[in-house]
Amino acid sequence: MKPEARPPSPGEFEHGYETLVAHLQAVMDPDAPSGHFLVVTLPDVTRLPLLQPLRAGARDGSGHLYPEGSTASAFLIPFRDRYEPDEVWTPEELEAIRGRATGYNDAIRSIAKSRGLTVVDLAAVVAEMAEDPSYSTLNSPYFSPDLHHPSFSTHARIAETVLSTMARVAVTPLPPPLESKETPLPHNGDFTPKQRARVDAMMHLGLLGLQASWFGGKLIAGT
C-alpha cells in the first residue's frame, strides 16, 4: 500500500510546535532575551503558480465534471482533459488547506506571544507579493521554473525581511548587502514561449515517472 501523508490538525501542530520551541529555548544562553528567538509564519501555498485552474470541461475517469475553480499541476493541464481525483484540488480542498494554514499560523503567533518570541510574518510578506496580478501566473517572476520554489528575487526579499527583523531585535544597524558577481538564476518569467513549452514537457515527463513510484499525485504537486 502507498503510505498516506496526513497533515496534523491545528491542535496537534500547536502541541508539537510548543514542544519544539521549549526544547530550543532550553539550549539558548540563559541570558539571551526571548525576543532573539525568531519564529516564522507559513505562506498560502494555494496561490502557487504550480496550481492552475482546470480547463473548461475537465472530467474525472468516470466522466464527471470537476467543480469550477478546481486546480491541478500546471505541468499536467496542457496534456490532459481527464484527471484522477488525487491530481485535482477542488475549491473545497483548497479552502481546507488555507484554513489549516491559518490555524497553524494562529498557533505560531499564540506561542510566540506567550513566550515573548519574535514573529517573522512571512505569510504577510507573501500576501503582499501576491497582490501583484502576475504572482500566480505561468510567467510569474516570483518563482523558479518549477512554479513552486521562490525565484532569486523572492529569496532575496525573504532574506531581507529576516535580516531586518534580526537587526531590529538586536538593536543594531542592518549590515550592508553582500557584493556578488554571480549572475542570479533565471526566474520563471525569463522563458520564451518555446522554452516554456520545453520545460512543461520535461516536467510532465518527470511527473509521469514519479507517479510510477510510491508518491501520490497531490504529494508530487507540493502539498
N, C-alpha and C. Protein backbone atom coordinates (compact mmCIF):
# COMPACT_ATOMS: atom_id res chain seq x y z
N MET A 1 0.84 -1.20 0.00
CA MET A 1 0.00 0.00 0.00
C MET A 1 0.87 1.25 0.00
N LYS A 2 0.37 2.31 -0.66
CA LYS A 2 1.09 3.56 -0.65
C LYS A 2 0.91 4.25 0.71
N PRO A 3 1.98 4.73 1.31
CA PRO A 3 1.83 5.46 2.57
C PRO A 3 1.08 6.76 2.35
N GLU A 4 0.27 7.14 3.31
CA GLU A 4 -0.51 8.36 3.21
C GLU A 4 0.05 9.41 4.17
N ALA A 5 0.32 10.59 3.63
CA ALA A 5 0.78 11.69 4.45
C ALA A 5 -0.44 12.44 4.98
N ARG A 6 -0.53 12.58 6.29
CA ARG A 6 -1.67 13.29 6.88
C ARG A 6 -1.16 14.49 7.66
N PRO A 7 -1.49 15.69 7.23
CA PRO A 7 -1.03 16.86 7.98
C PRO A 7 -1.70 16.90 9.35
N PRO A 8 -1.00 17.40 10.35
CA PRO A 8 -1.60 17.45 11.69
C PRO A 8 -2.73 18.47 11.77
N SER A 9 -3.61 18.26 12.68
CA SER A 9 -4.64 19.26 12.95
C SER A 9 -3.97 20.48 13.58
N PRO A 10 -4.62 21.65 13.56
CA PRO A 10 -4.02 22.81 14.22
C PRO A 10 -3.67 22.55 15.68
N GLY A 11 -4.50 21.77 16.36
CA GLY A 11 -4.20 21.45 17.75
C GLY A 11 -2.96 20.59 17.89
N GLU A 12 -2.85 19.58 17.03
CA GLU A 12 -1.66 18.72 17.06
C GLU A 12 -0.41 19.52 16.70
N PHE A 13 -0.57 20.40 15.70
CA PHE A 13 0.55 21.24 15.29
C PHE A 13 1.01 22.12 16.45
N GLU A 14 0.06 22.73 17.16
CA GLU A 14 0.41 23.62 18.26
C GLU A 14 1.16 22.86 19.35
N HIS A 15 0.70 21.66 19.66
CA HIS A 15 1.36 20.86 20.69
C HIS A 15 2.79 20.54 20.27
N GLY A 16 2.98 20.08 19.04
CA GLY A 16 4.31 19.75 18.56
C GLY A 16 5.21 20.97 18.48
N TYR A 17 4.65 22.09 18.04
CA TYR A 17 5.45 23.31 17.91
C TYR A 17 5.87 23.83 19.28
N GLU A 18 4.96 23.77 20.23
CA GLU A 18 5.26 24.20 21.59
C GLU A 18 6.40 23.35 22.17
N THR A 19 6.34 22.05 21.93
CA THR A 19 7.39 21.15 22.41
C THR A 19 8.74 21.50 21.78
N LEU A 20 8.74 21.74 20.48
CA LEU A 20 9.97 22.09 19.78
C LEU A 20 10.54 23.40 20.31
N VAL A 21 9.70 24.41 20.46
CA VAL A 21 10.17 25.70 20.97
C VAL A 21 10.75 25.54 22.37
N ALA A 22 10.10 24.76 23.21
CA ALA A 22 10.60 24.55 24.58
C ALA A 22 11.98 23.91 24.56
N HIS A 23 12.18 22.93 23.70
CA HIS A 23 13.50 22.27 23.60
C HIS A 23 14.56 23.27 23.14
N LEU A 24 14.23 24.09 22.16
CA LEU A 24 15.21 25.04 21.63
C LEU A 24 15.53 26.14 22.65
N GLN A 25 14.50 26.60 23.34
CA GLN A 25 14.75 27.63 24.36
C GLN A 25 15.61 27.08 25.48
N ALA A 26 15.49 25.78 25.74
CA ALA A 26 16.26 25.18 26.83
C ALA A 26 17.76 25.18 26.55
N VAL A 27 18.14 25.24 25.28
CA VAL A 27 19.57 25.24 24.95
C VAL A 27 20.09 26.63 24.59
N MET A 28 19.23 27.64 24.68
CA MET A 28 19.68 29.01 24.46
C MET A 28 20.48 29.50 25.66
N ASP A 29 21.32 30.48 25.42
CA ASP A 29 22.02 31.14 26.53
C ASP A 29 20.97 31.68 27.49
N PRO A 30 21.05 31.34 28.75
CA PRO A 30 20.03 31.79 29.71
C PRO A 30 19.92 33.31 29.80
N ASP A 31 20.96 34.02 29.40
CA ASP A 31 20.92 35.47 29.44
C ASP A 31 20.38 36.09 28.16
N ALA A 32 20.13 35.26 27.14
CA ALA A 32 19.64 35.78 25.86
C ALA A 32 18.17 36.19 25.99
N PRO A 33 17.82 37.37 25.51
CA PRO A 33 16.41 37.79 25.55
C PRO A 33 15.54 36.83 24.74
N SER A 34 14.36 36.56 25.20
CA SER A 34 13.48 35.64 24.49
C SER A 34 13.12 36.18 23.11
N GLY A 35 13.16 37.51 22.96
CA GLY A 35 12.85 38.11 21.67
C GLY A 35 13.86 37.80 20.60
N HIS A 36 15.03 37.27 20.98
CA HIS A 36 16.04 36.87 19.99
C HIS A 36 15.69 35.55 19.33
N PHE A 37 14.67 34.89 19.83
CA PHE A 37 14.18 33.64 19.26
C PHE A 37 13.14 34.01 18.19
N LEU A 38 13.45 33.74 16.93
CA LEU A 38 12.56 34.09 15.83
C LEU A 38 11.75 32.87 15.36
N VAL A 39 10.47 33.09 15.14
CA VAL A 39 9.62 32.07 14.52
C VAL A 39 9.00 32.69 13.27
N VAL A 40 8.63 31.84 12.34
CA VAL A 40 8.18 32.30 11.02
C VAL A 40 6.81 31.72 10.70
N THR A 41 5.91 32.56 10.20
CA THR A 41 4.59 32.07 9.79
C THR A 41 4.67 31.43 8.41
N LEU A 42 3.62 30.71 8.05
CA LEU A 42 3.58 29.93 6.81
C LEU A 42 2.78 30.67 5.73
N PRO A 43 3.29 30.67 4.49
CA PRO A 43 2.56 31.36 3.42
C PRO A 43 1.41 30.52 2.89
N ASP A 44 0.58 31.13 2.07
CA ASP A 44 -0.57 30.47 1.46
C ASP A 44 -0.11 29.72 0.21
N VAL A 45 0.03 28.39 0.32
CA VAL A 45 0.54 27.61 -0.81
C VAL A 45 -0.52 27.38 -1.89
N THR A 46 -1.78 27.71 -1.61
CA THR A 46 -2.81 27.53 -2.63
C THR A 46 -2.71 28.56 -3.74
N ARG A 47 -1.85 29.59 -3.55
CA ARG A 47 -1.67 30.62 -4.58
C ARG A 47 -0.43 30.36 -5.43
N LEU A 48 0.24 29.23 -5.25
CA LEU A 48 1.40 28.93 -6.07
C LEU A 48 1.01 28.85 -7.55
N PRO A 49 1.86 29.36 -8.45
CA PRO A 49 1.54 29.22 -9.88
C PRO A 49 1.55 27.77 -10.34
N LEU A 50 2.14 26.88 -9.54
CA LEU A 50 2.10 25.46 -9.87
C LEU A 50 0.67 24.96 -9.99
N LEU A 51 -0.24 25.54 -9.22
CA LEU A 51 -1.64 25.14 -9.25
C LEU A 51 -2.41 26.07 -10.17
N GLN A 52 -2.86 25.56 -11.30
CA GLN A 52 -3.58 26.36 -12.28
C GLN A 52 -5.00 25.82 -12.45
N PRO A 53 -5.95 26.71 -12.79
CA PRO A 53 -7.34 26.25 -12.97
C PRO A 53 -7.45 25.22 -14.09
N LEU A 54 -8.29 24.23 -13.86
CA LEU A 54 -8.56 23.25 -14.91
C LEU A 54 -9.27 23.93 -16.08
N ARG A 55 -9.01 23.43 -17.26
CA ARG A 55 -9.70 23.95 -18.43
C ARG A 55 -11.17 23.53 -18.38
N ALA A 56 -12.03 24.34 -19.03
CA ALA A 56 -13.46 24.02 -19.06
C ALA A 56 -13.66 22.63 -19.64
N GLY A 57 -14.54 21.88 -19.01
CA GLY A 57 -14.85 20.54 -19.48
C GLY A 57 -13.99 19.44 -18.91
N ALA A 58 -13.06 19.78 -17.99
CA ALA A 58 -12.19 18.76 -17.39
C ALA A 58 -13.04 17.79 -16.57
N ARG A 59 -12.76 16.50 -16.73
CA ARG A 59 -13.57 15.47 -16.09
C ARG A 59 -12.69 14.44 -15.39
N ASP A 60 -13.34 13.65 -14.54
CA ASP A 60 -12.62 12.56 -13.90
C ASP A 60 -12.74 11.30 -14.76
N GLY A 61 -12.19 10.21 -14.27
CA GLY A 61 -12.19 8.97 -15.04
C GLY A 61 -13.57 8.43 -15.35
N SER A 62 -14.58 8.85 -14.58
CA SER A 62 -15.95 8.40 -14.81
C SER A 62 -16.74 9.37 -15.68
N GLY A 63 -16.07 10.44 -16.10
CA GLY A 63 -16.74 11.40 -16.97
C GLY A 63 -17.44 12.53 -16.25
N HIS A 64 -17.28 12.61 -14.92
CA HIS A 64 -17.94 13.68 -14.17
C HIS A 64 -17.10 14.95 -14.21
N LEU A 65 -17.78 16.08 -14.39
CA LEU A 65 -17.10 17.37 -14.41
C LEU A 65 -16.58 17.72 -13.03
N TYR A 66 -15.41 18.34 -12.99
CA TYR A 66 -14.89 18.86 -11.72
C TYR A 66 -15.54 20.21 -11.44
N PRO A 67 -15.69 20.58 -10.16
CA PRO A 67 -16.30 21.88 -9.83
C PRO A 67 -15.48 23.04 -10.40
N GLU A 68 -16.16 24.10 -10.77
CA GLU A 68 -15.48 25.30 -11.23
C GLU A 68 -14.55 25.82 -10.13
N GLY A 69 -13.35 26.21 -10.52
CA GLY A 69 -12.37 26.68 -9.54
C GLY A 69 -11.41 25.59 -9.09
N SER A 70 -11.59 24.37 -9.61
CA SER A 70 -10.66 23.29 -9.28
C SER A 70 -9.32 23.54 -9.97
N THR A 71 -8.25 23.06 -9.36
CA THR A 71 -6.91 23.26 -9.91
C THR A 71 -6.15 21.94 -9.99
N ALA A 72 -5.10 21.96 -10.81
CA ALA A 72 -4.19 20.82 -10.92
C ALA A 72 -2.82 21.36 -11.26
N SER A 73 -1.83 20.47 -11.33
CA SER A 73 -0.49 20.89 -11.66
C SER A 73 -0.44 21.54 -13.03
N ALA A 74 0.24 22.67 -13.12
CA ALA A 74 0.39 23.36 -14.40
C ALA A 74 1.10 22.50 -15.43
N PHE A 75 1.82 21.47 -14.96
CA PHE A 75 2.56 20.61 -15.87
C PHE A 75 1.73 19.42 -16.34
N LEU A 76 0.50 19.32 -15.87
CA LEU A 76 -0.43 18.31 -16.37
C LEU A 76 -1.47 18.91 -17.31
N ILE A 77 -1.90 20.13 -17.01
CA ILE A 77 -3.03 20.74 -17.71
C ILE A 77 -2.84 20.81 -19.23
N PRO A 78 -1.64 21.16 -19.75
CA PRO A 78 -1.53 21.23 -21.22
C PRO A 78 -1.70 19.89 -21.92
N PHE A 79 -1.62 18.79 -21.16
CA PHE A 79 -1.60 17.47 -21.77
C PHE A 79 -2.84 16.64 -21.44
N ARG A 80 -3.77 17.18 -20.69
CA ARG A 80 -4.88 16.37 -20.17
C ARG A 80 -6.23 17.06 -20.34
N ASP A 81 -7.28 16.24 -20.46
CA ASP A 81 -8.64 16.72 -20.25
C ASP A 81 -9.37 15.81 -19.27
N ARG A 82 -8.65 14.75 -18.80
CA ARG A 82 -9.17 13.86 -17.77
C ARG A 82 -8.15 13.77 -16.64
N TYR A 83 -8.64 13.74 -15.40
CA TYR A 83 -7.75 13.73 -14.23
C TYR A 83 -8.27 12.76 -13.19
N GLU A 84 -7.34 12.12 -12.50
CA GLU A 84 -7.71 11.31 -11.35
C GLU A 84 -7.99 12.24 -10.17
N PRO A 85 -8.83 11.82 -9.23
CA PRO A 85 -9.16 12.68 -8.09
C PRO A 85 -7.94 13.14 -7.29
N ASP A 86 -6.89 12.29 -7.22
CA ASP A 86 -5.73 12.69 -6.43
C ASP A 86 -4.81 13.64 -7.18
N GLU A 87 -5.21 14.03 -8.39
CA GLU A 87 -4.44 15.02 -9.16
C GLU A 87 -5.08 16.40 -9.12
N VAL A 88 -6.25 16.49 -8.51
CA VAL A 88 -7.04 17.73 -8.57
C VAL A 88 -7.33 18.23 -7.16
N TRP A 89 -7.27 19.55 -7.01
CA TRP A 89 -7.69 20.21 -5.77
C TRP A 89 -8.98 20.95 -6.07
N THR A 90 -10.05 20.55 -5.43
CA THR A 90 -11.33 21.22 -5.61
C THR A 90 -11.35 22.49 -4.76
N PRO A 91 -12.28 23.43 -5.03
CA PRO A 91 -12.37 24.64 -4.20
C PRO A 91 -12.51 24.31 -2.71
N GLU A 92 -13.25 23.25 -2.41
CA GLU A 92 -13.43 22.85 -1.01
C GLU A 92 -12.10 22.42 -0.38
N GLU A 93 -11.29 21.67 -1.15
CA GLU A 93 -10.00 21.23 -0.64
C GLU A 93 -9.03 22.40 -0.48
N LEU A 94 -9.05 23.32 -1.43
CA LEU A 94 -8.17 24.49 -1.35
C LEU A 94 -8.52 25.33 -0.12
N GLU A 95 -9.81 25.47 0.13
CA GLU A 95 -10.24 26.24 1.30
C GLU A 95 -9.81 25.53 2.59
N ALA A 96 -9.86 24.20 2.59
CA ALA A 96 -9.43 23.45 3.77
C ALA A 96 -7.95 23.64 4.02
N ILE A 97 -7.14 23.68 2.95
CA ILE A 97 -5.70 23.92 3.10
C ILE A 97 -5.45 25.30 3.68
N ARG A 98 -6.15 26.30 3.15
CA ARG A 98 -5.98 27.67 3.67
C ARG A 98 -6.40 27.75 5.13
N GLY A 99 -7.49 27.06 5.47
CA GLY A 99 -7.95 27.08 6.86
C GLY A 99 -6.96 26.41 7.79
N ARG A 100 -6.35 25.33 7.34
CA ARG A 100 -5.36 24.63 8.17
C ARG A 100 -4.14 25.52 8.38
N ALA A 101 -3.68 26.18 7.30
CA ALA A 101 -2.53 27.07 7.42
C ALA A 101 -2.83 28.23 8.37
N THR A 102 -4.06 28.76 8.30
CA THR A 102 -4.45 29.83 9.23
C THR A 102 -4.39 29.33 10.67
N GLY A 103 -4.85 28.11 10.89
CA GLY A 103 -4.78 27.53 12.23
C GLY A 103 -3.35 27.36 12.70
N TYR A 104 -2.47 26.93 11.82
CA TYR A 104 -1.05 26.78 12.17
C TYR A 104 -0.46 28.14 12.53
N ASN A 105 -0.74 29.15 11.70
CA ASN A 105 -0.17 30.47 11.96
C ASN A 105 -0.72 31.08 13.26
N ASP A 106 -1.99 30.82 13.54
CA ASP A 106 -2.55 31.30 14.82
C ASP A 106 -1.81 30.65 15.98
N ALA A 107 -1.47 29.36 15.84
CA ALA A 107 -0.74 28.66 16.89
C ALA A 107 0.66 29.25 17.05
N ILE A 108 1.33 29.52 15.94
CA ILE A 108 2.67 30.10 15.99
C ILE A 108 2.65 31.45 16.69
N ARG A 109 1.70 32.28 16.31
CA ARG A 109 1.61 33.61 16.92
C ARG A 109 1.26 33.52 18.41
N SER A 110 0.38 32.58 18.75
CA SER A 110 -0.02 32.43 20.15
C SER A 110 1.17 31.98 21.00
N ILE A 111 1.93 31.02 20.52
CA ILE A 111 3.10 30.54 21.27
C ILE A 111 4.14 31.65 21.38
N ALA A 112 4.34 32.38 20.29
CA ALA A 112 5.31 33.48 20.31
C ALA A 112 4.90 34.54 21.33
N LYS A 113 3.62 34.85 21.39
CA LYS A 113 3.15 35.87 22.34
C LYS A 113 3.32 35.41 23.78
N SER A 114 3.01 34.14 24.04
CA SER A 114 3.08 33.65 25.42
C SER A 114 4.52 33.52 25.90
N ARG A 115 5.47 33.32 24.98
CA ARG A 115 6.87 33.12 25.36
C ARG A 115 7.75 34.33 25.05
N GLY A 116 7.16 35.37 24.50
CA GLY A 116 7.93 36.57 24.21
C GLY A 116 8.85 36.44 23.00
N LEU A 117 8.50 35.57 22.07
CA LEU A 117 9.32 35.37 20.88
C LEU A 117 8.99 36.41 19.81
N THR A 118 9.85 36.52 18.82
CA THR A 118 9.64 37.46 17.72
C THR A 118 9.12 36.70 16.51
N VAL A 119 8.06 37.24 15.91
CA VAL A 119 7.45 36.61 14.74
C VAL A 119 7.93 37.29 13.47
N VAL A 120 8.47 36.52 12.55
CA VAL A 120 8.73 37.00 11.19
C VAL A 120 7.51 36.59 10.37
N ASP A 121 6.70 37.55 10.01
CA ASP A 121 5.42 37.24 9.37
C ASP A 121 5.59 37.02 7.88
N LEU A 122 6.11 35.84 7.54
CA LEU A 122 6.33 35.51 6.14
C LEU A 122 5.00 35.44 5.38
N ALA A 123 3.95 35.01 6.08
CA ALA A 123 2.64 34.95 5.44
C ALA A 123 2.22 36.32 4.93
N ALA A 124 2.49 37.36 5.72
CA ALA A 124 2.12 38.71 5.31
C ALA A 124 3.00 39.20 4.16
N VAL A 125 4.29 38.85 4.19
CA VAL A 125 5.20 39.24 3.11
C VAL A 125 4.75 38.62 1.80
N VAL A 126 4.42 37.34 1.83
CA VAL A 126 4.00 36.65 0.61
C VAL A 126 2.64 37.18 0.15
N ALA A 127 1.74 37.47 1.09
CA ALA A 127 0.43 38.01 0.72
C ALA A 127 0.58 39.36 0.02
N GLU A 128 1.55 40.15 0.46
CA GLU A 128 1.80 41.43 -0.20
C GLU A 128 2.31 41.22 -1.63
N MET A 129 3.22 40.26 -1.82
CA MET A 129 3.70 39.96 -3.17
C MET A 129 2.56 39.45 -4.04
N ALA A 130 1.65 38.68 -3.44
CA ALA A 130 0.55 38.08 -4.19
C ALA A 130 -0.46 39.10 -4.69
N GLU A 131 -0.36 40.35 -4.22
CA GLU A 131 -1.24 41.40 -4.75
C GLU A 131 -0.88 41.76 -6.19
N ASP A 132 0.34 41.41 -6.61
CA ASP A 132 0.75 41.61 -7.99
C ASP A 132 -0.01 40.59 -8.86
N PRO A 133 -0.75 41.04 -9.89
CA PRO A 133 -1.51 40.11 -10.72
C PRO A 133 -0.67 39.02 -11.37
N SER A 134 0.64 39.26 -11.52
CA SER A 134 1.49 38.25 -12.16
C SER A 134 1.93 37.15 -11.20
N TYR A 135 1.65 37.30 -9.92
CA TYR A 135 2.18 36.39 -8.90
C TYR A 135 1.83 34.94 -9.18
N SER A 136 0.58 34.65 -9.49
CA SER A 136 0.12 33.26 -9.63
C SER A 136 0.05 32.80 -11.09
N THR A 137 0.66 33.55 -11.99
CA THR A 137 0.58 33.20 -13.40
C THR A 137 1.71 32.25 -13.81
N LEU A 138 1.58 31.69 -15.00
CA LEU A 138 2.60 30.78 -15.51
C LEU A 138 3.92 31.50 -15.76
N ASN A 139 3.88 32.81 -15.95
CA ASN A 139 5.10 33.59 -16.18
C ASN A 139 5.51 34.38 -14.94
N SER A 140 5.13 33.89 -13.78
CA SER A 140 5.40 34.61 -12.54
C SER A 140 6.90 34.84 -12.33
N PRO A 141 7.31 36.10 -12.11
CA PRO A 141 8.72 36.37 -11.80
C PRO A 141 9.06 36.05 -10.34
N TYR A 142 8.05 35.66 -9.56
CA TYR A 142 8.27 35.40 -8.13
C TYR A 142 8.72 33.96 -7.87
N PHE A 143 8.71 33.12 -8.91
CA PHE A 143 9.00 31.70 -8.72
C PHE A 143 10.02 31.20 -9.73
N SER A 144 10.67 30.10 -9.36
CA SER A 144 11.63 29.45 -10.24
C SER A 144 10.87 28.69 -11.34
N PRO A 145 11.58 28.13 -12.31
CA PRO A 145 10.89 27.45 -13.41
C PRO A 145 9.98 26.29 -13.01
N ASP A 146 10.15 25.76 -11.80
CA ASP A 146 9.26 24.67 -11.40
C ASP A 146 7.92 25.19 -10.87
N LEU A 147 7.74 26.52 -10.89
CA LEU A 147 6.49 27.17 -10.48
C LEU A 147 6.15 26.92 -9.01
N HIS A 148 7.14 26.54 -8.24
CA HIS A 148 6.91 26.13 -6.86
C HIS A 148 7.87 26.84 -5.90
N HIS A 149 9.17 26.74 -6.18
CA HIS A 149 10.17 27.34 -5.30
C HIS A 149 10.40 28.81 -5.65
N PRO A 150 10.74 29.62 -4.65
CA PRO A 150 10.92 31.06 -4.89
C PRO A 150 12.03 31.34 -5.89
N SER A 151 11.87 32.44 -6.62
CA SER A 151 12.91 32.90 -7.52
C SER A 151 14.00 33.60 -6.71
N PHE A 152 15.07 33.99 -7.38
CA PHE A 152 16.17 34.68 -6.72
C PHE A 152 15.67 35.94 -6.01
N SER A 153 14.87 36.74 -6.69
CA SER A 153 14.40 38.00 -6.10
C SER A 153 13.49 37.75 -4.91
N THR A 154 12.67 36.69 -4.97
CA THR A 154 11.80 36.37 -3.84
C THR A 154 12.62 35.88 -2.66
N HIS A 155 13.62 35.06 -2.92
CA HIS A 155 14.53 34.64 -1.84
C HIS A 155 15.19 35.86 -1.21
N ALA A 156 15.62 36.80 -2.05
CA ALA A 156 16.28 38.00 -1.54
C ALA A 156 15.34 38.80 -0.65
N ARG A 157 14.09 38.90 -1.06
CA ARG A 157 13.13 39.67 -0.26
C ARG A 157 12.87 38.99 1.09
N ILE A 158 12.76 37.68 1.07
CA ILE A 158 12.55 36.95 2.33
C ILE A 158 13.76 37.12 3.24
N ALA A 159 14.96 36.99 2.66
CA ALA A 159 16.18 37.15 3.45
C ALA A 159 16.27 38.55 4.05
N GLU A 160 15.91 39.56 3.27
CA GLU A 160 15.95 40.93 3.77
C GLU A 160 14.97 41.12 4.92
N THR A 161 13.81 40.49 4.82
CA THR A 161 12.82 40.58 5.90
C THR A 161 13.37 39.97 7.19
N VAL A 162 14.00 38.80 7.05
CA VAL A 162 14.56 38.13 8.23
C VAL A 162 15.70 38.95 8.82
N LEU A 163 16.60 39.44 7.97
CA LEU A 163 17.74 40.23 8.46
C LEU A 163 17.28 41.52 9.12
N SER A 164 16.29 42.16 8.54
CA SER A 164 15.76 43.40 9.13
C SER A 164 15.17 43.14 10.51
N THR A 165 14.48 42.01 10.65
CA THR A 165 13.90 41.66 11.94
C THR A 165 15.01 41.37 12.95
N MET A 166 16.04 40.65 12.54
CA MET A 166 17.15 40.34 13.43
C MET A 166 17.86 41.61 13.88
N ALA A 167 18.06 42.55 12.95
CA ALA A 167 18.71 43.81 13.30
C ALA A 167 17.85 44.60 14.28
N ARG A 168 16.54 44.55 14.08
CA ARG A 168 15.64 45.31 14.97
C ARG A 168 15.66 44.76 16.39
N VAL A 169 15.56 43.43 16.53
CA VAL A 169 15.52 42.87 17.88
C VAL A 169 16.88 42.96 18.56
N ALA A 170 17.96 43.01 17.77
CA ALA A 170 19.30 43.13 18.34
C ALA A 170 19.70 44.59 18.55
N VAL A 171 18.82 45.50 18.11
CA VAL A 171 19.07 46.95 18.21
C VAL A 171 20.45 47.27 17.61
N THR A 172 20.61 46.85 16.38
CA THR A 172 21.86 47.08 15.67
C THR A 172 21.55 47.46 14.23
N PRO A 173 22.42 48.23 13.58
CA PRO A 173 22.15 48.61 12.18
C PRO A 173 22.12 47.39 11.27
N LEU A 174 21.32 47.48 10.23
CA LEU A 174 21.26 46.42 9.25
C LEU A 174 22.58 46.37 8.49
N PRO A 175 23.22 45.22 8.37
CA PRO A 175 24.51 45.15 7.66
C PRO A 175 24.34 45.48 6.18
N PRO A 176 25.39 45.98 5.54
CA PRO A 176 25.29 46.30 4.11
C PRO A 176 25.10 45.04 3.30
N PRO A 177 24.46 45.13 2.14
CA PRO A 177 24.26 43.93 1.32
C PRO A 177 25.58 43.35 0.83
N LEU A 178 25.60 42.05 0.68
CA LEU A 178 26.79 41.39 0.18
C LEU A 178 26.98 41.70 -1.31
N GLU A 179 28.22 41.91 -1.68
CA GLU A 179 28.51 42.12 -3.09
C GLU A 179 28.76 40.77 -3.75
N SER A 180 28.08 40.53 -4.84
CA SER A 180 28.22 39.25 -5.54
C SER A 180 28.36 39.50 -7.03
N LYS A 181 29.29 38.78 -7.64
CA LYS A 181 29.48 38.87 -9.08
C LYS A 181 28.77 37.72 -9.81
N GLU A 182 28.06 36.91 -9.04
CA GLU A 182 27.34 35.80 -9.64
C GLU A 182 26.08 36.31 -10.34
N THR A 183 25.74 35.69 -11.45
CA THR A 183 24.50 36.03 -12.15
C THR A 183 23.34 35.29 -11.50
N PRO A 184 22.30 35.99 -11.08
CA PRO A 184 21.17 35.31 -10.46
C PRO A 184 20.57 34.27 -11.39
N LEU A 185 20.05 33.20 -10.81
CA LEU A 185 19.37 32.18 -11.60
C LEU A 185 18.16 32.80 -12.29
N PRO A 186 17.85 32.35 -13.50
CA PRO A 186 16.68 32.91 -14.20
C PRO A 186 15.40 32.58 -13.44
N HIS A 187 14.46 33.49 -13.48
CA HIS A 187 13.16 33.19 -12.87
C HIS A 187 12.22 32.73 -13.97
N ASN A 188 11.06 32.28 -13.56
CA ASN A 188 10.13 31.67 -14.49
C ASN A 188 9.74 32.61 -15.63
N GLY A 189 9.62 33.91 -15.33
CA GLY A 189 9.20 34.86 -16.34
C GLY A 189 10.23 35.15 -17.41
N ASP A 190 11.46 34.64 -17.24
CA ASP A 190 12.51 34.88 -18.22
C ASP A 190 12.39 33.99 -19.45
N PHE A 191 11.57 32.94 -19.40
CA PHE A 191 11.49 32.00 -20.50
C PHE A 191 10.78 32.59 -21.71
N THR A 192 11.23 32.20 -22.89
CA THR A 192 10.49 32.47 -24.12
C THR A 192 9.36 31.43 -24.21
N PRO A 193 8.35 31.68 -25.03
CA PRO A 193 7.28 30.67 -25.17
C PRO A 193 7.80 29.29 -25.55
N LYS A 194 8.82 29.24 -26.43
CA LYS A 194 9.35 27.94 -26.83
C LYS A 194 10.06 27.26 -25.65
N GLN A 195 10.80 28.04 -24.87
CA GLN A 195 11.47 27.47 -23.70
C GLN A 195 10.45 26.99 -22.68
N ARG A 196 9.38 27.78 -22.50
CA ARG A 196 8.33 27.40 -21.55
C ARG A 196 7.71 26.07 -21.95
N ALA A 197 7.47 25.89 -23.25
CA ALA A 197 6.87 24.64 -23.73
C ALA A 197 7.79 23.46 -23.47
N ARG A 198 9.10 23.66 -23.63
CA ARG A 198 10.06 22.58 -23.39
C ARG A 198 10.10 22.21 -21.90
N VAL A 199 10.08 23.23 -21.04
CA VAL A 199 10.08 22.98 -19.60
C VAL A 199 8.81 22.23 -19.20
N ASP A 200 7.66 22.67 -19.73
CA ASP A 200 6.40 22.00 -19.41
C ASP A 200 6.46 20.52 -19.79
N ALA A 201 7.02 20.24 -20.98
CA ALA A 201 7.09 18.85 -21.44
C ALA A 201 8.01 18.03 -20.54
N MET A 202 9.17 18.59 -20.18
CA MET A 202 10.11 17.85 -19.33
C MET A 202 9.53 17.61 -17.94
N MET A 203 8.87 18.62 -17.38
CA MET A 203 8.26 18.45 -16.06
C MET A 203 7.13 17.43 -16.12
N HIS A 204 6.38 17.43 -17.22
CA HIS A 204 5.30 16.45 -17.37
C HIS A 204 5.86 15.04 -17.37
N LEU A 205 6.94 14.83 -18.11
CA LEU A 205 7.58 13.51 -18.13
C LEU A 205 8.08 13.13 -16.74
N GLY A 206 8.63 14.11 -16.02
CA GLY A 206 9.09 13.84 -14.66
C GLY A 206 7.95 13.42 -13.75
N LEU A 207 6.79 14.05 -13.90
CA LEU A 207 5.63 13.68 -13.09
C LEU A 207 5.18 12.26 -13.41
N LEU A 208 5.20 11.91 -14.68
CA LEU A 208 4.80 10.55 -15.05
C LEU A 208 5.73 9.53 -14.40
N GLY A 209 7.03 9.84 -14.35
CA GLY A 209 7.98 8.94 -13.72
C GLY A 209 7.74 8.82 -12.23
N LEU A 210 7.44 9.94 -11.58
CA LEU A 210 7.20 9.90 -10.14
C LEU A 210 5.91 9.16 -9.81
N GLN A 211 4.91 9.28 -10.68
CA GLN A 211 3.64 8.60 -10.41
C GLN A 211 3.78 7.09 -10.48
N ALA A 212 4.85 6.62 -11.10
CA ALA A 212 5.10 5.18 -11.13
C ALA A 212 5.71 4.69 -9.83
N SER A 213 6.13 5.63 -8.97
CA SER A 213 6.70 5.26 -7.67
C SER A 213 5.60 5.35 -6.61
N TRP A 214 6.01 5.43 -5.36
CA TRP A 214 5.00 5.42 -4.29
C TRP A 214 4.40 6.80 -4.03
N PHE A 215 4.94 7.83 -4.68
CA PHE A 215 4.40 9.16 -4.46
C PHE A 215 3.02 9.29 -5.07
N GLY A 216 2.12 9.91 -4.36
CA GLY A 216 0.79 10.17 -4.90
C GLY A 216 0.78 11.48 -5.67
N GLY A 217 -0.26 11.70 -6.50
CA GLY A 217 -0.32 12.88 -7.35
C GLY A 217 -0.26 14.19 -6.58
N LYS A 218 -1.03 14.29 -5.50
CA LYS A 218 -1.06 15.54 -4.77
C LYS A 218 0.22 15.77 -4.00
N LEU A 219 0.87 14.70 -3.58
CA LEU A 219 2.15 14.85 -2.91
C LEU A 219 3.18 15.39 -3.88
N ILE A 220 3.13 14.93 -5.13
CA ILE A 220 4.05 15.40 -6.15
C ILE A 220 3.91 16.90 -6.34
N ALA A 221 2.68 17.37 -6.36
CA ALA A 221 2.43 18.77 -6.67
C ALA A 221 2.72 19.69 -5.50
N GLY A 222 3.20 19.18 -4.40
CA GLY A 222 3.73 20.05 -3.40
C GLY A 222 2.95 20.25 -2.14
N THR A 223 1.98 19.39 -1.84
CA THR A 223 1.25 19.56 -0.59
C THR A 223 1.58 18.42 0.35
